[in-house]
N, C-alpha and C. Protein backbone atom coordinates (compact mmCIF):
# COMPACT_ATOMS: atom_id res chain seq x y z
N MET A 1 0.83 -1.18 0.00
CA MET A 1 -0.01 0.00 -0.01
C MET A 1 0.88 1.26 0.00
N ALA A 2 0.52 2.22 -0.78
CA ALA A 2 1.30 3.44 -0.92
C ALA A 2 1.06 4.37 0.26
N ASP A 3 2.00 5.26 0.45
CA ASP A 3 1.89 6.27 1.51
C ASP A 3 0.98 7.42 1.06
N TYR A 4 1.09 7.78 -0.23
CA TYR A 4 0.36 8.90 -0.80
C TYR A 4 -0.13 8.52 -2.20
N TYR A 5 -1.04 9.35 -2.74
CA TYR A 5 -1.57 9.11 -4.07
C TYR A 5 -1.71 10.42 -4.83
N ILE A 6 -1.62 10.31 -6.14
CA ILE A 6 -2.00 11.41 -7.02
C ILE A 6 -3.27 10.98 -7.72
N ASN A 7 -4.33 11.76 -7.57
CA ASN A 7 -5.57 11.48 -8.25
C ASN A 7 -5.54 12.14 -9.61
N VAL A 8 -5.86 11.37 -10.64
CA VAL A 8 -5.99 11.91 -11.99
C VAL A 8 -7.45 11.71 -12.37
N PHE A 9 -8.20 12.81 -12.35
CA PHE A 9 -9.62 12.74 -12.70
C PHE A 9 -9.75 12.69 -14.21
N LEU A 10 -10.65 11.85 -14.70
CA LEU A 10 -10.71 11.53 -16.11
C LEU A 10 -11.89 12.20 -16.82
N ASP A 11 -11.55 13.02 -17.82
CA ASP A 11 -12.57 13.49 -18.74
C ASP A 11 -12.60 12.48 -19.89
N ASP A 12 -13.37 12.74 -20.92
CA ASP A 12 -13.51 11.77 -22.01
C ASP A 12 -12.17 11.45 -22.69
N GLU A 13 -11.37 12.48 -22.91
CA GLU A 13 -10.08 12.29 -23.58
C GLU A 13 -9.13 11.45 -22.73
N LYS A 14 -9.03 11.77 -21.45
CA LYS A 14 -8.15 11.02 -20.55
C LYS A 14 -8.65 9.58 -20.37
N LEU A 15 -9.96 9.42 -20.34
CA LEU A 15 -10.53 8.08 -20.21
C LEU A 15 -10.10 7.21 -21.40
N LYS A 16 -10.15 7.77 -22.59
CA LYS A 16 -9.71 7.02 -23.79
C LYS A 16 -8.22 6.66 -23.68
N GLN A 17 -7.41 7.60 -23.18
CA GLN A 17 -5.97 7.33 -23.01
C GLN A 17 -5.74 6.21 -22.01
N ILE A 18 -6.47 6.23 -20.91
CA ILE A 18 -6.33 5.19 -19.87
C ILE A 18 -6.77 3.83 -20.44
N GLU A 19 -7.86 3.81 -21.18
CA GLU A 19 -8.33 2.57 -21.79
C GLU A 19 -7.31 2.07 -22.81
N GLY A 20 -6.73 2.98 -23.59
CA GLY A 20 -5.71 2.61 -24.58
C GLY A 20 -4.45 2.08 -23.94
N ALA A 21 -4.15 2.54 -22.73
CA ALA A 21 -2.96 2.08 -22.01
C ALA A 21 -3.19 0.74 -21.33
N GLY A 22 -4.44 0.26 -21.35
CA GLY A 22 -4.73 -1.04 -20.77
C GLY A 22 -4.85 -1.04 -19.26
N VAL A 23 -5.10 0.12 -18.67
CA VAL A 23 -5.22 0.19 -17.21
C VAL A 23 -6.63 0.63 -16.78
N ALA A 24 -7.60 0.43 -17.66
CA ALA A 24 -8.97 0.82 -17.34
C ALA A 24 -9.53 0.05 -16.15
N ASP A 25 -8.97 -1.14 -15.88
CA ASP A 25 -9.44 -1.91 -14.74
C ASP A 25 -9.07 -1.26 -13.41
N GLN A 26 -8.25 -0.22 -13.43
CA GLN A 26 -7.85 0.47 -12.22
C GLN A 26 -8.57 1.80 -12.02
N ILE A 27 -9.58 2.05 -12.84
CA ILE A 27 -10.38 3.25 -12.69
C ILE A 27 -11.25 3.12 -11.43
N GLN A 28 -11.27 4.18 -10.65
CA GLN A 28 -12.07 4.22 -9.43
C GLN A 28 -13.03 5.39 -9.51
N GLU A 29 -13.98 5.39 -8.61
CA GLU A 29 -14.86 6.55 -8.48
C GLU A 29 -14.46 7.29 -7.19
N ILE A 30 -14.07 8.54 -7.36
CA ILE A 30 -13.64 9.38 -6.24
C ILE A 30 -14.49 10.65 -6.29
N ASP A 31 -15.19 10.92 -5.22
CA ASP A 31 -16.08 12.08 -5.13
C ASP A 31 -17.04 12.14 -6.32
N GLY A 32 -17.52 11.00 -6.76
CA GLY A 32 -18.50 10.93 -7.83
C GLY A 32 -17.91 11.08 -9.23
N LYS A 33 -16.58 11.10 -9.33
CA LYS A 33 -15.92 11.26 -10.64
C LYS A 33 -15.03 10.05 -10.90
N LYS A 34 -14.85 9.71 -12.19
CA LYS A 34 -13.93 8.64 -12.55
C LYS A 34 -12.50 9.17 -12.42
N ALA A 35 -11.64 8.31 -11.86
CA ALA A 35 -10.24 8.71 -11.64
C ALA A 35 -9.36 7.48 -11.56
N VAL A 36 -8.06 7.70 -11.74
CA VAL A 36 -7.06 6.68 -11.42
C VAL A 36 -6.18 7.29 -10.34
N GLN A 37 -5.60 6.41 -9.53
CA GLN A 37 -4.69 6.87 -8.49
C GLN A 37 -3.30 6.31 -8.75
N VAL A 38 -2.33 7.21 -8.74
CA VAL A 38 -0.93 6.82 -8.91
C VAL A 38 -0.29 6.83 -7.54
N SER A 39 0.34 5.74 -7.18
CA SER A 39 0.98 5.61 -5.88
C SER A 39 2.24 6.46 -5.79
N VAL A 40 2.45 7.06 -4.62
CA VAL A 40 3.61 7.90 -4.37
C VAL A 40 4.18 7.49 -3.01
N ASN A 41 5.50 7.23 -2.97
CA ASN A 41 6.10 6.88 -1.67
C ASN A 41 6.54 8.15 -0.94
N LYS A 42 7.06 8.00 0.27
CA LYS A 42 7.42 9.16 1.10
C LYS A 42 8.48 10.04 0.44
N LYS A 43 9.48 9.42 -0.15
CA LYS A 43 10.57 10.16 -0.79
C LYS A 43 10.04 10.98 -1.98
N GLU A 44 9.18 10.37 -2.79
CA GLU A 44 8.60 11.07 -3.93
C GLU A 44 7.67 12.18 -3.46
N HIS A 45 6.96 11.94 -2.35
CA HIS A 45 6.09 12.95 -1.77
C HIS A 45 6.88 14.19 -1.38
N LYS A 46 8.04 14.00 -0.77
CA LYS A 46 8.90 15.13 -0.38
C LYS A 46 9.32 15.93 -1.61
N LYS A 47 9.69 15.23 -2.66
CA LYS A 47 10.10 15.92 -3.89
C LYS A 47 8.95 16.67 -4.51
N LEU A 48 7.76 16.07 -4.53
CA LEU A 48 6.58 16.76 -5.06
C LEU A 48 6.27 18.02 -4.25
N ALA A 49 6.39 17.92 -2.93
CA ALA A 49 6.13 19.07 -2.05
C ALA A 49 7.12 20.20 -2.32
N LYS A 50 8.38 19.84 -2.61
CA LYS A 50 9.38 20.86 -2.93
C LYS A 50 9.13 21.45 -4.33
N GLY A 51 8.78 20.59 -5.26
CA GLY A 51 8.57 21.05 -6.63
C GLY A 51 7.27 21.83 -6.82
N PHE A 52 6.27 21.52 -6.00
CA PHE A 52 4.97 22.18 -6.08
C PHE A 52 4.54 22.61 -4.68
N PRO A 53 5.06 23.76 -4.21
CA PRO A 53 4.79 24.19 -2.84
C PRO A 53 3.30 24.36 -2.51
N ASP A 54 2.47 24.60 -3.50
CA ASP A 54 1.03 24.80 -3.27
C ASP A 54 0.24 23.49 -3.30
N LEU A 55 0.92 22.38 -3.51
CA LEU A 55 0.25 21.08 -3.61
C LEU A 55 -0.33 20.71 -2.25
N ALA A 56 -1.62 20.39 -2.24
CA ALA A 56 -2.28 20.05 -0.97
C ALA A 56 -2.78 18.60 -1.02
N PHE A 57 -2.42 17.85 0.01
CA PHE A 57 -2.88 16.48 0.16
C PHE A 57 -4.09 16.48 1.07
N ASP A 58 -5.12 15.69 0.72
CA ASP A 58 -6.33 15.64 1.54
C ASP A 58 -6.19 14.61 2.66
N ALA A 59 -7.28 14.35 3.36
CA ALA A 59 -7.26 13.43 4.50
C ALA A 59 -6.88 12.01 4.12
N SER A 60 -7.12 11.64 2.87
CA SER A 60 -6.75 10.30 2.39
C SER A 60 -5.37 10.27 1.77
N ASN A 61 -4.57 11.34 2.02
CA ASN A 61 -3.20 11.46 1.49
C ASN A 61 -3.16 11.46 -0.04
N ALA A 62 -4.14 12.08 -0.65
CA ALA A 62 -4.20 12.18 -2.11
C ALA A 62 -4.18 13.65 -2.52
N CYS A 63 -3.67 13.91 -3.72
CA CYS A 63 -3.63 15.26 -4.25
C CYS A 63 -3.91 15.24 -5.74
N VAL A 64 -4.06 16.42 -6.30
CA VAL A 64 -4.23 16.58 -7.75
C VAL A 64 -3.12 17.52 -8.20
N LEU A 65 -2.38 17.09 -9.23
CA LEU A 65 -1.27 17.90 -9.74
C LEU A 65 -1.78 19.06 -10.57
N PRO A 66 -0.96 20.11 -10.70
CA PRO A 66 -1.30 21.19 -11.64
C PRO A 66 -1.42 20.62 -13.06
N GLU A 67 -2.11 21.34 -13.92
CA GLU A 67 -2.45 20.83 -15.25
C GLU A 67 -1.24 20.35 -16.06
N GLU A 68 -0.19 21.14 -16.15
CA GLU A 68 0.98 20.75 -16.95
C GLU A 68 1.64 19.49 -16.41
N ALA A 69 1.76 19.42 -15.08
CA ALA A 69 2.36 18.24 -14.45
C ALA A 69 1.48 17.01 -14.68
N GLU A 70 0.17 17.20 -14.64
CA GLU A 70 -0.75 16.08 -14.88
C GLU A 70 -0.61 15.57 -16.31
N LYS A 71 -0.42 16.48 -17.27
CA LYS A 71 -0.20 16.06 -18.67
C LYS A 71 1.06 15.20 -18.77
N THR A 72 2.12 15.61 -18.09
CA THR A 72 3.37 14.84 -18.08
C THR A 72 3.13 13.46 -17.48
N LEU A 73 2.42 13.41 -16.36
CA LEU A 73 2.12 12.14 -15.71
C LEU A 73 1.28 11.25 -16.61
N MET A 74 0.29 11.81 -17.28
CA MET A 74 -0.54 11.02 -18.21
C MET A 74 0.32 10.46 -19.35
N GLY A 75 1.30 11.23 -19.80
CA GLY A 75 2.21 10.74 -20.83
C GLY A 75 2.97 9.52 -20.38
N PHE A 76 3.45 9.53 -19.14
CA PHE A 76 4.14 8.37 -18.59
C PHE A 76 3.22 7.16 -18.46
N ILE A 77 1.98 7.40 -18.03
CA ILE A 77 1.03 6.30 -17.89
C ILE A 77 0.76 5.66 -19.24
N THR A 78 0.51 6.47 -20.27
CA THR A 78 0.20 5.90 -21.58
C THR A 78 1.42 5.30 -22.25
N ASP A 79 2.60 5.88 -22.05
CA ASP A 79 3.82 5.33 -22.65
C ASP A 79 4.22 3.99 -22.04
N ASN A 80 3.96 3.85 -20.73
CA ASN A 80 4.40 2.66 -20.01
C ASN A 80 3.29 1.65 -19.74
N ASN A 81 2.05 2.01 -20.13
CA ASN A 81 0.90 1.12 -19.92
C ASN A 81 0.80 0.65 -18.48
N SER A 82 1.03 1.57 -17.54
CA SER A 82 1.04 1.22 -16.13
C SER A 82 0.79 2.46 -15.28
N LEU A 83 0.27 2.23 -14.06
CA LEU A 83 0.14 3.32 -13.10
C LEU A 83 1.32 3.33 -12.13
N ASP A 84 2.19 2.34 -12.23
CA ASP A 84 3.36 2.24 -11.37
C ASP A 84 4.54 2.94 -12.05
N ILE A 85 4.45 4.26 -12.15
CA ILE A 85 5.41 5.01 -12.97
C ILE A 85 6.10 6.16 -12.24
N MET A 86 5.81 6.34 -10.95
CA MET A 86 6.34 7.51 -10.25
C MET A 86 7.85 7.53 -10.18
N LYS A 87 8.52 6.39 -10.10
CA LYS A 87 9.98 6.42 -10.02
C LYS A 87 10.59 7.02 -11.27
N PHE A 88 9.88 6.94 -12.41
CA PHE A 88 10.35 7.56 -13.64
C PHE A 88 9.83 8.99 -13.78
N ALA A 89 8.56 9.17 -13.48
CA ALA A 89 7.91 10.48 -13.67
C ALA A 89 8.46 11.54 -12.72
N ILE A 90 8.89 11.14 -11.54
CA ILE A 90 9.35 12.13 -10.57
C ILE A 90 10.56 12.90 -11.11
N LEU A 91 11.36 12.27 -11.95
CA LEU A 91 12.51 12.97 -12.53
C LEU A 91 12.08 14.13 -13.42
N LYS A 92 10.95 13.98 -14.11
CA LYS A 92 10.42 15.05 -14.95
C LYS A 92 9.62 16.05 -14.14
N LEU A 93 8.87 15.56 -13.15
CA LEU A 93 7.99 16.44 -12.37
C LEU A 93 8.75 17.29 -11.39
N TYR A 94 9.82 16.74 -10.80
CA TYR A 94 10.60 17.47 -9.80
C TYR A 94 11.93 17.85 -10.43
N ASN A 95 12.13 19.13 -10.64
CA ASN A 95 13.36 19.61 -11.24
C ASN A 95 13.98 20.62 -10.27
N PRO A 96 14.91 20.18 -9.42
CA PRO A 96 15.47 21.07 -8.40
C PRO A 96 16.28 22.22 -8.99
N LEU A 97 16.69 22.13 -10.23
CA LEU A 97 17.49 23.18 -10.83
C LEU A 97 16.68 24.14 -11.69
N ALA A 98 15.37 23.98 -11.72
CA ALA A 98 14.52 24.83 -12.55
C ALA A 98 14.70 26.29 -12.14
N GLY A 99 14.89 27.13 -13.12
CA GLY A 99 14.99 28.56 -12.86
C GLY A 99 16.37 29.04 -12.46
N ARG A 100 17.32 28.17 -12.28
CA ARG A 100 18.68 28.59 -11.92
C ARG A 100 19.50 28.82 -13.17
N SER A 101 20.32 29.84 -13.08
CA SER A 101 21.20 30.12 -14.24
C SER A 101 22.36 29.13 -14.26
N ILE A 102 23.04 29.10 -15.37
CA ILE A 102 24.15 28.18 -15.53
C ILE A 102 25.28 28.50 -14.57
N SER A 103 25.37 29.77 -14.14
CA SER A 103 26.41 30.16 -13.19
C SER A 103 25.87 30.17 -11.76
N GLY A 104 24.85 29.36 -11.51
CA GLY A 104 24.20 29.31 -10.21
C GLY A 104 25.02 28.57 -9.18
N ARG A 105 24.35 28.12 -8.17
CA ARG A 105 24.98 27.46 -7.04
C ARG A 105 25.82 26.25 -7.43
N GLY A 106 26.97 26.15 -6.82
CA GLY A 106 27.84 24.99 -7.03
C GLY A 106 28.87 25.18 -8.12
N THR A 107 28.91 26.35 -8.76
CA THR A 107 29.89 26.57 -9.82
C THR A 107 31.02 27.50 -9.38
N GLY A 108 30.90 28.03 -8.17
CA GLY A 108 31.92 28.96 -7.71
C GLY A 108 31.85 30.29 -8.44
N GLY A 109 30.72 30.58 -9.08
CA GLY A 109 30.53 31.85 -9.79
C GLY A 109 31.28 31.93 -11.11
N ARG A 110 31.81 30.81 -11.58
CA ARG A 110 32.57 30.82 -12.82
C ARG A 110 31.68 30.73 -14.01
């Protein structure tokens, strides 16, 4: 069982993508909407919290990613035909160097 989850709520387009990826058997109903849940461990949760400071987890330890991040996550789901993709997706979703210049920290100002 995972420590945390990312809820991906499905509209018609996303539903077709999930069905095409062969993971339609993992669709759940959450708050009256169709969704899939992607498992997130504690380490990945920390990275998501750093990468998305406004990300809020609910009482069931689930959250919804911002739109662009959710598109990236959906790409991983459809490319890998699996919901067990966070170890790969976290590298794209969490970018600790985003916004830093090439002469940023760790270069000695060179």
